[in-house]
Amino acid sequence: SRVLKEGLDAYRRRVEALPEDEFKQGLLITLEGIAIYHRRCVELLKDAQAPTQLIAALEKVPYQPAETIYEAMVALNFVFYVDGCDDIGPLDRILLPYYKGEDILALIKEFFKHADANDSWSGTLGPEYNEITRMCIQASQGSRRPDLQLLVKPNMPDWVWKESAEALMTGCGQPAFYNEKAIRQRLCGRIPHLTQEDALEFAGGGCTETSFAGCTYSGGTDNEINVLKIFEDYMYASLPDSPSFEEFYNNFIAVLRKEQDNQMETINDYWNERARKCFAPIRTLFIDDCIDKGIGWFQGGARYTFSIHCDSGIPNTLDSLLAIKHLVFDKKRYSPEQFLSLLKSENAEFFAELRSCPSYGVADEKADALVRDFTTGFYEHYLTGKLDLGLGFFPTAHQFTRHISAGSVVGPTPDGRKGGTPVADSLAAVNGKAVKGPTAMLTSAACYEQKDIYGIAVTNLSINQNCPASILKALVKGYFSMGGTQLQVTATNRETLLKARKDPESYRDLIVRVGGYSDYFCNLEDRLKDAVIARTLF
């Protein structure tokens, strides 16, 4: 938005005012490289006899401030390609100062195609809804990218709900719903100097990792903890010698905390090494306040700098703990040795028994109490970590495609999961266990403590395409009223997915939500297709 308002000539003047050093020279070289690229683009358009409106706009922007909505779109598109970023930012906010009521639906559709071609991921809408919001939602129909992140306010207008439901029912997975109030309050509490103006620039980079357009360093996910693998190793080493569930559980928490500490130390060392060796010239140029500070993007020059990291397998771990508590310690159906032996053998009758144990995802009060205790402590622990650069650690809870790889290294587990199969793909229940419907599943998901998941917590919800819009709205609002952060929806039917699995050529345009993003179903590797098909479809 600053490039559109001020133009790159203003950026050059800011750089030229810096002290004479390598930092200044590096940015001047970067600006000259962009200028060469810009000239080549204009020459190419002239040689191709492109529309005169496009040539005239690009001869002006992004060096001079944009004045019209068309100039703003041309400048946005140019900067987007130069930067190669993976989030287009809050489009309905960036473009609004230049909008005079024009129909720009076709332009937005074209820009979305460019975002897809550039392998971009995301874009934000709201919380100040306007006609550009409407056109962006409409343009998303049938589109894989960008993954639209709709910031939902409690009083969001009915027309936004209607447009969102219509888009989702086309199967595109757009938009995902974000709890604007909860996100803003949590981030303002975590970042004391976050201004209200900057908070409105929220944009979930990559799948959904928190950033603020134009003023953040967060490099996607820096590292991952495979919680279920840690639990598997601990279970075999410690269950036979544990006199009570409480001791078994508490000792596991202690092991997990050491792994979290190791992860934070590893990230800090990596950041320091990268700061010594790497310079990101284009990001340093575009991201406030790098120029004013004379500090590079990797060196902590951005206004808001923090590490985002993730985890895998927590829902599976919770169900595993619940099964051990129920069968070994409470009912004493099996000795620890018998339990582990049957688990290793993947005995069919035993696995059926495991999947009938108390579990997460059905609004079971005792199960949800364990979920709340575990997740509260797990994410609060990251607040104790320190970075030499930046604000600290902002955990996220999304899977992207990691639920496949994370599961591939874990043997059979007490949640009833067979060895090598995927782990849970979001905060939602383990596949096949949300047997009491979506309301119960979301009630449990709200017990998964999300107040410290500053990098955004993803919950997948798969619904049939005949789901009434009023029910979808009620589910979203109900979940958010209980503290849920994000809900992403795939509207499909299993018959279509199975047909696409057998005959991909006939379903090349079928889009599904995966683990924080949308993609063409036929683009997914086979194990990921199977995981999507196996989801509970409400």
Protein backbone atom coordinates (compact mmCIF):
# COMPACT_ATOMS: atom_id res chain seq x y z
CA SER A 1 0.00 0.00 0.00
CA ARG A 2 2.93 2.35 0.63
CA VAL A 3 4.32 1.77 -2.88
CA LEU A 4 0.93 2.64 -4.38
CA LYS A 5 0.65 5.77 -2.25
CA GLU A 6 4.21 7.12 -2.52
CA GLY A 7 5.77 5.47 -5.57
CA LEU A 8 9.22 3.92 -5.86
CA ASP A 9 10.79 7.31 -6.61
CA ALA A 10 10.05 8.17 -2.98
CA TYR A 11 11.76 4.95 -1.92
CA ARG A 12 14.86 5.95 -3.88
CA ARG A 13 14.93 9.33 -2.12
CA ARG A 14 14.76 7.57 1.26
CA VAL A 15 17.65 5.30 0.29
CA GLU A 16 19.73 8.17 -1.10
CA ALA A 17 19.44 9.95 2.24
CA LEU A 18 21.18 7.06 4.04
CA PRO A 19 24.83 7.19 5.13
CA GLU A 20 27.36 6.00 2.55
CA ASP A 21 27.87 2.33 3.27
CA GLU A 22 27.28 -1.13 1.77
CA PHE A 23 23.67 -1.16 2.96
CA LYS A 24 22.89 1.94 0.92
CA GLN A 25 24.81 0.68 -2.11
CA GLY A 26 23.02 -2.66 -1.98
CA LEU A 27 19.60 -1.02 -2.04
CA LEU A 28 20.59 1.37 -4.84
CA ILE A 29 21.70 -1.63 -6.91
CA THR A 30 18.38 -3.30 -6.11
CA LEU A 31 16.43 -0.22 -7.22
CA GLU A 32 18.43 -0.07 -10.45
CA GLY A 33 17.71 -3.75 -11.12
CA ILE A 34 13.98 -3.13 -10.65
CA ALA A 35 14.21 -0.11 -12.98
CA ILE A 36 15.84 -2.23 -15.71
CA TYR A 37 13.16 -4.87 -15.32
CA HIS A 38 10.48 -2.17 -15.46
CA ARG A 39 11.88 -0.70 -18.68
CA ARG A 40 12.02 -4.13 -20.29
CA CYS A 41 8.37 -4.73 -19.34
CA VAL A 42 7.28 -1.46 -20.96
CA GLU A 43 9.31 -2.22 -24.09
CA LEU A 44 7.79 -5.70 -24.31
CA LEU A 45 4.27 -4.29 -24.07
CA LYS A 46 4.98 -1.74 -26.80
CA ASP A 47 6.47 -4.40 -29.10
CA ALA A 48 3.42 -6.60 -28.48
CA GLN A 49 1.08 -3.66 -29.20
CA ALA A 50 -0.57 -4.15 -25.84
CA PRO A 51 -3.53 -1.94 -24.84
CA THR A 52 -2.48 1.69 -24.61
CA GLN A 53 -4.12 1.99 -21.19
CA LEU A 54 -1.81 -0.69 -19.81
CA ILE A 55 1.30 0.86 -21.37
CA ALA A 56 0.40 4.33 -20.11
CA ALA A 57 -0.23 3.01 -16.60
CA LEU A 58 3.03 1.07 -16.43
CA GLU A 59 5.02 4.04 -17.70
CA LYS A 60 3.77 5.88 -14.60
CA VAL A 61 3.54 3.28 -11.84
CA PRO A 62 4.97 2.05 -9.59
CA TYR A 63 7.41 4.98 -9.71
CA GLN A 64 4.78 7.67 -9.30
CA PRO A 65 1.80 7.38 -6.93
CA ALA A 66 -1.24 5.59 -8.34
CA GLU A 67 -4.29 7.78 -8.89
CA THR A 68 -6.88 5.45 -10.43
CA ILE A 69 -8.01 1.93 -9.56
CA TYR A 70 -6.52 0.66 -12.83
CA GLU A 71 -3.14 2.22 -12.05
CA ALA A 72 -3.30 0.76 -8.55
CA MET A 73 -3.96 -2.73 -9.94
CA VAL A 74 -1.10 -2.42 -12.45
CA ALA A 75 1.29 -1.22 -9.73
CA LEU A 76 0.15 -3.97 -7.35
CA ASN A 77 0.68 -6.62 -10.01
CA PHE A 78 4.17 -5.32 -10.87
CA VAL A 79 5.36 -5.14 -7.26
CA PHE A 80 3.86 -8.56 -6.59
CA TYR A 81 5.99 -10.11 -9.33
CA VAL A 82 9.13 -8.22 -8.35
CA ASP A 83 8.83 -9.30 -4.72
CA GLY A 84 7.66 -12.85 -5.38
CA CYS A 85 5.70 -12.75 -2.15
CA ASP A 86 3.23 -15.45 -1.14
CA ASP A 87 0.45 -13.22 0.21
CA ILE A 88 -1.21 -10.42 -1.75
CA GLY A 89 -2.19 -8.65 1.47
CA PRO A 90 -5.58 -7.15 2.41
CA LEU A 91 -6.67 -6.40 -1.16
CA ASP A 92 -9.96 -4.71 -0.29
CA ARG A 93 -8.05 -2.36 2.02
CA ILE A 94 -5.08 -1.69 -0.29
CA LEU A 95 -7.24 -0.78 -3.29
CA LEU A 96 -10.04 1.12 -1.54
CA PRO A 97 -8.44 4.63 -1.70
CA TYR A 98 -8.41 4.36 -5.53
CA TYR A 99 -11.86 2.84 -5.98
CA LYS A 100 -14.62 5.04 -7.41
CA GLY A 101 -17.34 2.44 -7.91
CA GLU A 102 -15.91 0.76 -11.01
CA ASP A 103 -16.61 -2.88 -11.90
CA ILE A 104 -13.15 -4.42 -11.48
CA LEU A 105 -14.24 -8.04 -11.18
CA ALA A 106 -12.44 -9.03 -14.42
CA LEU A 107 -9.24 -7.29 -13.26
CA ILE A 108 -9.34 -9.09 -9.91
CA LYS A 109 -9.90 -12.42 -11.65
CA GLU A 110 -6.87 -11.76 -13.85
CA PHE A 111 -4.78 -10.80 -10.82
CA PHE A 112 -5.85 -14.01 -9.06
CA LYS A 113 -4.67 -15.98 -12.11
CA HIS A 114 -1.31 -14.23 -11.80
CA ALA A 115 -1.16 -15.10 -8.10
CA ASP A 116 -1.76 -18.75 -8.96
CA ALA A 117 0.84 -18.71 -11.75
CA ASN A 118 3.35 -17.10 -9.37
CA ASP A 119 2.70 -19.91 -6.87
CA SER A 120 1.39 -17.41 -4.37
CA TRP A 121 -0.70 -18.62 -1.47
CA SER A 122 -2.91 -16.19 0.38
CA GLY A 123 -4.78 -12.91 0.62
CA THR A 124 -6.85 -11.21 3.31
CA LEU A 125 -10.32 -9.64 3.18
CA GLY A 126 -12.06 -7.46 5.78
CA PRO A 127 -12.77 -6.51 8.48
CA GLU A 128 -13.91 -3.32 6.72
CA TYR A 129 -16.17 -4.86 4.09
CA ASN A 130 -16.82 -3.05 0.82
CA GLU A 131 -17.57 -3.71 -2.84
CA ILE A 132 -14.01 -4.84 -3.45
CA THR A 133 -14.58 -7.49 -0.77
CA ARG A 134 -17.62 -8.68 -2.71
CA MET A 135 -15.77 -8.83 -6.03
CA CYS A 136 -12.80 -10.66 -4.50
CA ILE A 137 -15.09 -13.36 -3.09
CA GLN A 138 -16.88 -13.65 -6.43
CA ALA A 139 -13.56 -13.83 -8.29
CA SER A 140 -12.45 -16.73 -6.08
CA GLN A 141 -15.11 -19.08 -7.43
CA GLY A 142 -13.35 -21.89 -9.24
CA SER A 143 -9.96 -20.46 -8.26
CA ARG A 144 -7.22 -22.38 -6.48
CA ARG A 145 -5.24 -19.34 -5.33
CA PRO A 146 -5.00 -17.05 -3.53
CA ASP A 147 -6.42 -18.67 -0.41
CA LEU A 148 -8.73 -15.92 0.79
CA GLN A 149 -8.72 -15.26 4.53
CA LEU A 150 -11.97 -13.51 5.50
CA LEU A 151 -11.71 -11.64 8.80
CA VAL A 152 -15.10 -12.20 10.44
CA LYS A 153 -16.55 -9.62 12.82
CA PRO A 154 -19.54 -10.51 15.03
CA ASN A 155 -21.72 -8.10 13.05
CA MET A 156 -20.44 -9.06 9.60
CA PRO A 157 -23.15 -8.11 7.07
CA ASP A 158 -25.46 -10.79 5.72
CA TRP A 159 -24.34 -10.12 2.16
CA VAL A 160 -20.78 -11.16 3.05
CA TRP A 161 -22.07 -14.42 4.53
CA LYS A 162 -24.19 -14.99 1.43
CA GLU A 163 -21.35 -14.33 -1.01
CA SER A 164 -19.00 -16.53 1.03
CA ALA A 165 -21.44 -19.44 1.15
CA GLU A 166 -22.07 -19.22 -2.60
CA ALA A 167 -18.34 -19.29 -3.31
CA LEU A 168 -17.69 -22.19 -0.94
CA MET A 169 -20.48 -24.30 -2.39
CA THR A 170 -18.70 -24.22 -5.76
CA GLY A 171 -16.05 -26.35 -4.07
CA CYS A 172 -13.19 -23.84 -4.31
CA GLY A 173 -12.53 -23.78 -0.54
CA GLN A 174 -12.74 -19.97 -0.55
CA PRO A 175 -12.88 -18.07 1.68
CA ALA A 176 -11.58 -19.42 4.99
CA PHE A 177 -13.11 -17.75 8.05
CA TYR A 178 -10.92 -15.94 10.61
CA ASN A 179 -12.02 -14.72 14.04
CA GLU A 180 -11.02 -11.05 13.68
CA LYS A 181 -11.73 -10.03 17.28
CA ALA A 182 -9.81 -12.92 18.83
CA ILE A 183 -6.84 -12.53 16.47
CA ARG A 184 -6.58 -8.77 17.01
CA GLN A 185 -6.86 -9.00 20.79
CA ARG A 186 -4.32 -11.82 21.05
CA LEU A 187 -1.79 -10.16 18.76
CA CYS A 188 -2.14 -6.77 20.44
CA GLY A 189 -1.50 -8.50 23.77
CA ARG A 190 1.52 -10.36 22.42
CA ILE A 191 2.98 -7.30 20.59
CA PRO A 192 2.72 -4.29 22.94
CA HIS A 193 3.75 -1.79 20.25
CA LEU A 194 1.36 -3.12 17.57
CA THR A 195 -0.69 -0.16 16.37
CA GLN A 196 -4.36 -0.48 15.48
CA GLU A 197 -3.53 0.67 11.95
CA ASP A 198 -0.94 -2.06 11.52
CA ALA A 199 -3.29 -4.63 13.06
CA LEU A 200 -5.66 -3.98 10.14
CA GLU A 201 -2.85 -5.05 7.80
CA PHE A 202 -3.04 -8.63 9.13
CA ALA A 203 -2.19 -11.10 6.40
CA GLY A 204 -1.58 -14.80 6.82
CA GLY A 205 1.50 -15.58 4.75
CA GLY A 206 1.95 -19.04 3.27
CA CYS A 207 -0.97 -21.13 4.46
CA THR A 208 -1.87 -18.84 7.33
CA GLU A 209 1.25 -17.69 9.21
CA THR A 210 0.69 -14.31 10.84
CA SER A 211 2.20 -11.23 9.25
CA PHE A 212 1.29 -7.58 8.81
CA ALA A 213 1.50 -6.42 5.22
CA GLY A 214 4.61 -4.36 4.56
CA CYS A 215 6.09 -4.44 8.05
CA THR A 216 6.85 -8.00 9.14
CA TYR A 217 9.59 -10.55 9.15
CA SER A 218 8.21 -14.04 9.62
CA GLY A 219 9.69 -16.67 7.38
CA GLY A 220 6.93 -19.19 7.15
CA THR A 221 7.44 -22.08 9.54
CA ASP A 222 10.99 -22.26 10.90
CA ASN A 223 10.77 -25.73 12.43
CA GLU A 224 8.37 -28.48 13.48
CA ILE A 225 7.87 -30.77 16.42
CA ASN A 226 6.38 -34.18 15.65
CA VAL A 227 4.54 -34.58 18.95
CA LEU A 228 3.19 -38.03 18.10
CA LYS A 229 6.68 -39.39 17.32
CA ILE A 230 7.98 -38.04 20.63
CA PHE A 231 5.03 -39.68 22.38
CA GLU A 232 5.59 -43.02 20.62
CA ASP A 233 9.22 -43.19 21.74
CA TYR A 234 8.30 -42.11 25.27
CA MET A 235 5.41 -44.58 25.51
CA TYR A 236 7.52 -47.66 24.74
CA ALA A 237 10.28 -46.49 27.09
CA SER A 238 8.11 -45.44 30.03
CA LEU A 239 4.65 -47.03 30.09
CA PRO A 240 5.73 -50.36 31.64
CA ASP A 241 7.32 -48.56 34.62
CA SER A 242 4.59 -45.95 35.21
CA PRO A 243 2.59 -46.61 38.41
CA SER A 244 -0.22 -44.20 37.51
CA PHE A 245 -1.58 -42.28 34.57
CA GLU A 246 -0.76 -39.00 36.29
CA GLU A 247 2.92 -39.90 36.54
CA PHE A 248 2.96 -41.23 32.97
CA TYR A 249 1.33 -38.02 31.71
CA ASN A 250 3.46 -35.60 33.75
CA ASN A 251 6.72 -37.27 32.75
CA PHE A 252 5.70 -37.09 29.11
CA ILE A 253 5.06 -33.37 29.48
CA ALA A 254 8.58 -32.98 30.91
CA VAL A 255 10.07 -34.80 27.91
CA LEU A 256 8.05 -32.66 25.53
CA ARG A 257 9.20 -29.42 27.20
CA LYS A 258 12.83 -30.42 26.61
CA GLU A 259 12.05 -30.95 22.93
CA GLN A 260 10.41 -27.53 22.75
CA ASP A 261 13.44 -25.93 24.39
CA ASN A 262 15.74 -27.67 21.90
CA GLN A 263 13.59 -26.44 19.02
CA MET A 264 13.70 -22.84 20.22
CA GLU A 265 17.46 -22.99 20.71
CA THR A 266 17.92 -24.44 17.22
CA ILE A 267 15.81 -21.69 15.64
CA ASN A 268 17.70 -18.96 17.49
CA ASP A 269 21.06 -20.36 16.35
CA TYR A 270 19.81 -20.63 12.78
CA TRP A 271 18.50 -17.06 12.77
CA ASN A 272 21.81 -15.72 14.08
CA GLU A 273 23.81 -17.63 11.47
CA ARG A 274 21.52 -16.46 8.68
CA ALA A 275 21.75 -12.85 9.86
CA ARG A 276 25.54 -13.08 9.55
CA LYS A 277 25.50 -14.53 6.04
CA CYS A 278 22.33 -13.55 4.18
CA PHE A 279 20.80 -10.35 2.86
CA ALA A 280 17.32 -10.11 1.33
CA PRO A 281 17.58 -6.95 -0.80
CA ILE A 282 14.05 -6.77 -2.21
CA ARG A 283 12.36 -7.54 1.11
CA THR A 284 14.68 -5.05 2.83
CA LEU A 285 13.62 -2.43 0.30
CA PHE A 286 9.88 -3.04 0.60
CA ILE A 287 9.43 -3.86 4.30
CA ASP A 288 9.11 -0.98 6.79
CA ASP A 289 11.23 -0.01 8.79
CA CYS A 290 14.34 -1.54 7.23
CA ILE A 291 15.39 1.57 5.26
CA ASP A 292 14.83 3.96 8.14
CA LYS A 293 16.80 1.74 10.54
CA GLY A 294 19.47 0.86 7.99
CA ILE A 295 19.02 -2.80 9.01
CA GLY A 296 18.32 -5.71 6.67
CA TRP A 297 15.22 -7.88 6.73
CA PHE A 298 17.11 -10.94 7.97
CA GLN A 299 18.92 -8.79 10.53
CA GLY A 300 15.74 -7.67 12.33
CA GLY A 301 14.99 -4.47 10.44
CA ALA A 302 11.25 -5.04 10.06
CA ARG A 303 8.85 -3.36 12.47
CA TYR A 304 7.60 -6.76 13.66
CA THR A 305 9.99 -9.72 13.70
CA PHE A 306 9.09 -13.11 15.15
CA SER A 307 9.55 -16.83 14.51
CA ILE A 308 6.61 -19.01 13.49
CA HIS A 309 6.94 -22.74 14.06
CA CYS A 310 4.53 -25.64 14.04
CA ASP A 311 3.68 -29.05 15.42
CA SER A 312 2.12 -32.26 14.17
CA GLY A 313 0.07 -35.02 15.74
CA ILE A 314 -1.38 -33.39 18.86
CA PRO A 315 -4.97 -34.70 18.32
CA ASN A 316 -3.56 -38.22 17.81
CA THR A 317 -1.40 -37.87 20.93
CA LEU A 318 -4.38 -36.72 23.00
CA ASP A 319 -6.51 -39.67 21.86
CA SER A 320 -3.57 -42.00 22.57
CA LEU A 321 -3.29 -40.65 26.10
CA LEU A 322 -7.04 -41.07 26.60
CA ALA A 323 -6.95 -44.68 25.37
CA ILE A 324 -4.04 -45.58 27.70
CA LYS A 325 -5.80 -43.94 30.63
CA HIS A 326 -9.04 -45.79 29.90
CA LEU A 327 -7.74 -49.28 29.11
CA VAL A 328 -4.55 -49.56 31.18
CA PHE A 329 -5.09 -47.41 34.26
CA ASP A 330 -8.85 -46.92 34.75
CA LYS A 331 -10.40 -50.19 33.50
CA LYS A 332 -7.19 -52.23 33.85
CA ARG A 333 -8.18 -54.24 30.80
CA TYR A 334 -4.55 -54.74 29.83
CA SER A 335 -1.19 -54.62 31.50
CA PRO A 336 1.22 -52.12 29.92
CA GLU A 337 3.12 -55.01 28.32
CA GLN A 338 -0.04 -56.57 26.85
CA PHE A 339 -1.21 -53.20 25.61
CA LEU A 340 2.05 -52.47 23.79
CA SER A 341 2.26 -55.98 22.33
CA LEU A 342 -1.25 -55.80 20.87
CA LEU A 343 -0.55 -52.32 19.57
CA LYS A 344 2.60 -53.43 17.74
CA SER A 345 0.75 -56.33 16.11
CA GLU A 346 -2.04 -54.02 14.89
CA ASN A 347 -4.57 -56.58 16.15
CA ALA A 348 -7.90 -55.78 14.47
CA GLU A 349 -10.12 -56.41 17.50
CA PHE A 350 -7.79 -54.40 19.71
CA PHE A 351 -7.77 -51.50 17.26
CA ALA A 352 -11.57 -51.47 17.21
CA GLU A 353 -11.47 -51.25 20.99
CA LEU A 354 -8.95 -48.40 20.84
CA ARG A 355 -11.21 -46.41 18.54
CA SER A 356 -14.14 -46.86 20.92
CA CYS A 357 -12.27 -45.26 23.83
CA PRO A 358 -13.06 -41.74 25.04
CA SER A 359 -11.69 -39.33 22.46
CA TYR A 360 -11.32 -35.76 21.34
CA GLY A 361 -13.90 -34.40 18.92
CA VAL A 362 -17.21 -35.53 20.44
CA ALA A 363 -17.64 -32.91 23.21
CA ASP A 364 -16.73 -35.42 25.92
CA GLU A 365 -16.11 -33.28 29.02
CA LYS A 366 -13.31 -35.43 30.49
CA ALA A 367 -11.55 -35.78 27.16
CA ASP A 368 -11.85 -32.06 26.45
CA ALA A 369 -10.48 -31.25 29.92
CA LEU A 370 -7.30 -33.19 29.07
CA VAL A 371 -7.15 -31.39 25.71
CA ARG A 372 -7.36 -28.00 27.40
CA ASP A 373 -4.69 -28.86 29.98
CA PHE A 374 -2.27 -30.26 27.41
CA THR A 375 -2.58 -27.51 24.80
CA THR A 376 -2.57 -24.68 27.33
CA GLY A 377 0.76 -25.76 28.76
CA PHE A 378 2.27 -26.68 25.40
CA TYR A 379 1.70 -23.31 23.76
CA GLU A 380 2.31 -21.22 26.88
CA HIS A 381 5.77 -22.75 27.11
CA TYR A 382 6.79 -20.94 23.91
CA LEU A 383 6.31 -17.65 25.75
CA THR A 384 9.40 -18.54 27.81
CA GLY A 385 11.60 -18.70 24.71
CA LYS A 386 13.81 -15.81 23.63
CA LEU A 387 15.22 -14.80 20.27
CA ASP A 388 18.34 -12.66 19.93
CA LEU A 389 16.50 -11.02 17.02
CA GLY A 390 12.84 -10.08 17.31
CA LEU A 391 9.91 -10.62 19.61
CA GLY A 392 10.11 -14.35 20.19
CA PHE A 393 8.07 -17.37 19.18
CA PHE A 394 4.61 -17.34 17.60
CA PRO A 395 3.48 -20.97 17.24
CA THR A 396 1.08 -22.03 14.53
CA ALA A 397 -1.11 -25.11 14.29
CA HIS A 398 -1.60 -26.08 10.67
CA GLN A 399 -0.47 -29.12 8.74
CA PHE A 400 0.00 -28.01 5.13
CA THR A 401 1.06 -31.48 3.85
CA ARG A 402 3.09 -32.39 6.93
CA HIS A 403 0.44 -34.76 8.29
CA ILE A 404 1.55 -37.22 5.60
CA SER A 405 5.29 -37.08 6.29
CA ALA A 406 4.82 -36.82 10.06
CA GLY A 407 2.69 -39.96 10.08
CA SER A 408 5.07 -41.89 7.83
CA VAL A 409 7.72 -42.10 10.58
CA VAL A 410 5.37 -43.15 13.39
CA GLY A 411 4.26 -46.72 14.03
CA PRO A 412 0.79 -47.76 15.21
CA THR A 413 -0.50 -45.54 18.01
CA PRO A 414 -3.18 -45.96 20.71
CA ASP A 415 -5.59 -43.58 19.00
CA GLY A 416 -6.33 -46.48 16.63
CA ARG A 417 -4.08 -45.19 13.87
CA LYS A 418 -2.11 -47.78 11.89
CA GLY A 419 1.62 -47.41 11.43
CA GLY A 420 2.83 -45.06 8.71
CA THR A 421 -0.59 -43.50 8.08
CA PRO A 422 -1.21 -39.72 8.27
CA VAL A 423 -1.73 -37.86 11.51
CA ALA A 424 -4.63 -35.42 12.01
CA ASP A 425 -4.67 -32.69 9.36
CA SER A 426 -5.79 -29.84 11.64
CA LEU A 427 -7.26 -29.14 15.10
CA ALA A 428 -10.28 -31.18 14.08
CA ALA A 429 -10.83 -34.69 15.41
CA VAL A 430 -8.81 -37.66 14.23
CA ASN A 431 -10.39 -39.00 11.02
CA GLY A 432 -13.50 -41.04 11.67
CA LYS A 433 -13.90 -40.03 15.31
CA ALA A 434 -16.19 -36.99 15.02
CA VAL A 435 -19.21 -39.29 15.25
CA LYS A 436 -21.51 -36.84 17.02
CA GLY A 437 -21.61 -34.22 14.29
CA PRO A 438 -19.98 -30.89 13.51
CA THR A 439 -21.30 -29.02 16.55
CA ALA A 440 -19.72 -31.52 18.94
CA MET A 441 -16.49 -31.56 16.91
CA LEU A 442 -16.20 -27.75 17.00
CA THR A 443 -17.06 -27.68 20.71
CA SER A 444 -14.06 -29.94 21.33
CA ALA A 445 -11.87 -27.91 18.95
CA ALA A 446 -12.66 -24.81 21.01
CA CYS A 447 -11.24 -26.66 24.04
CA TYR A 448 -7.96 -26.94 22.16
CA GLU A 449 -6.55 -23.80 23.81
CA GLN A 450 -5.81 -21.31 21.02
CA LYS A 451 -5.07 -18.07 22.87
CA ASP A 452 -1.29 -18.50 22.49
CA ILE A 453 -1.30 -19.90 18.94
CA TYR A 454 -0.36 -16.52 17.50
CA GLY A 455 0.62 -17.97 14.13
CA ILE A 456 -3.04 -19.05 13.68
CA ALA A 457 -4.70 -22.38 14.42
CA VAL A 458 -6.36 -24.17 11.51
CA THR A 459 -9.52 -26.25 11.81
CA ASN A 460 -10.75 -28.23 8.80
CA LEU A 461 -14.46 -28.73 8.26
CA SER A 462 -15.72 -30.83 5.35
CA ILE A 463 -19.39 -30.40 4.48
CA ASN A 464 -21.68 -31.69 1.78
CA GLN A 465 -22.48 -29.22 -0.98
CA ASN A 466 -26.17 -29.19 -0.01
CA CYS A 467 -25.40 -27.66 3.40
CA PRO A 468 -27.67 -24.62 3.91
CA ALA A 469 -25.85 -21.29 4.21
CA SER A 470 -27.66 -20.57 7.48
CA ILE A 471 -26.17 -23.68 9.11
CA LEU A 472 -22.67 -22.83 7.88
CA LYS A 473 -23.01 -19.33 9.34
CA ALA A 474 -24.23 -20.74 12.68
CA LEU A 475 -21.32 -23.19 12.88
CA VAL A 476 -18.74 -20.46 12.19
CA LYS A 477 -20.24 -17.96 14.62
CA GLY A 478 -20.73 -20.59 17.31
CA TYR A 479 -17.15 -21.81 17.03
CA PHE A 480 -15.78 -18.27 17.14
CA SER A 481 -17.94 -17.38 20.15
CA MET A 482 -16.19 -20.21 22.03
CA GLY A 483 -12.72 -18.89 21.15
CA GLY A 484 -12.04 -20.70 17.89
CA THR A 485 -9.59 -18.87 15.64
CA GLN A 486 -10.04 -20.13 12.11
CA LEU A 487 -12.30 -22.44 10.14
CA GLN A 488 -11.60 -23.60 6.61
CA VAL A 489 -14.31 -25.36 4.72
CA THR A 490 -14.32 -27.89 1.90
CA ALA A 491 -17.75 -28.30 0.32
CA THR A 492 -17.79 -31.50 -1.72
CA ASN A 493 -19.14 -35.02 -1.77
CA ARG A 494 -17.27 -38.26 -1.36
CA GLU A 495 -18.65 -39.73 -4.58
CA THR A 496 -17.02 -36.95 -6.59
CA LEU A 497 -13.70 -37.39 -4.80
CA LEU A 498 -13.71 -41.15 -5.45
CA LYS A 499 -14.49 -40.57 -9.13
CA ALA A 500 -11.66 -38.05 -9.36
CA ARG A 501 -9.32 -40.57 -7.74
CA LYS A 502 -10.08 -43.08 -10.50
CA ASP A 503 -10.42 -40.66 -13.43
CA PRO A 504 -8.24 -37.57 -12.79
CA GLU A 505 -8.45 -36.28 -16.38
CA SER A 506 -12.19 -35.66 -16.03
CA TYR A 507 -11.79 -33.72 -12.76
CA ARG A 508 -8.83 -31.44 -13.41
CA ASP A 509 -10.72 -28.42 -12.02
CA LEU A 510 -11.81 -30.08 -8.73
CA ILE A 511 -10.45 -28.03 -5.80
CA VAL A 512 -10.22 -29.10 -2.15
CA ARG A 513 -8.89 -27.60 1.06
CA VAL A 514 -5.85 -29.49 2.32
CA GLY A 515 -4.06 -28.47 5.54
CA GLY A 516 -4.25 -24.68 5.39
CA TYR A 517 -4.52 -24.10 1.67
CA SER A 518 -6.53 -25.06 -1.42
CA ASP A 519 -5.25 -27.09 -4.34
CA TYR A 520 -6.49 -29.04 -7.32
CA PHE A 521 -7.36 -32.50 -6.06
CA CYS A 522 -5.58 -34.12 -9.00
CA ASN A 523 -2.35 -32.26 -8.13
CA LEU A 524 -2.10 -34.01 -4.77
CA GLU A 525 0.08 -37.05 -4.22
CA ASP A 526 -1.89 -40.26 -3.77
CA ARG A 527 -1.49 -40.44 0.02
CA LEU A 528 -2.77 -36.88 0.34
CA LYS A 529 -5.77 -37.66 -1.89
CA ASP A 530 -6.59 -40.62 0.33
CA ALA A 531 -6.31 -38.47 3.45
CA VAL A 532 -8.75 -35.91 2.02
CA ILE A 533 -11.22 -38.66 1.05
CA ALA A 534 -10.97 -40.19 4.54
CA ARG A 535 -12.08 -37.02 6.31
CA THR A 536 -15.39 -36.96 8.12
CA LEU A 537 -17.89 -35.34 5.75
CA PHE A 538 -20.75 -33.65 7.57
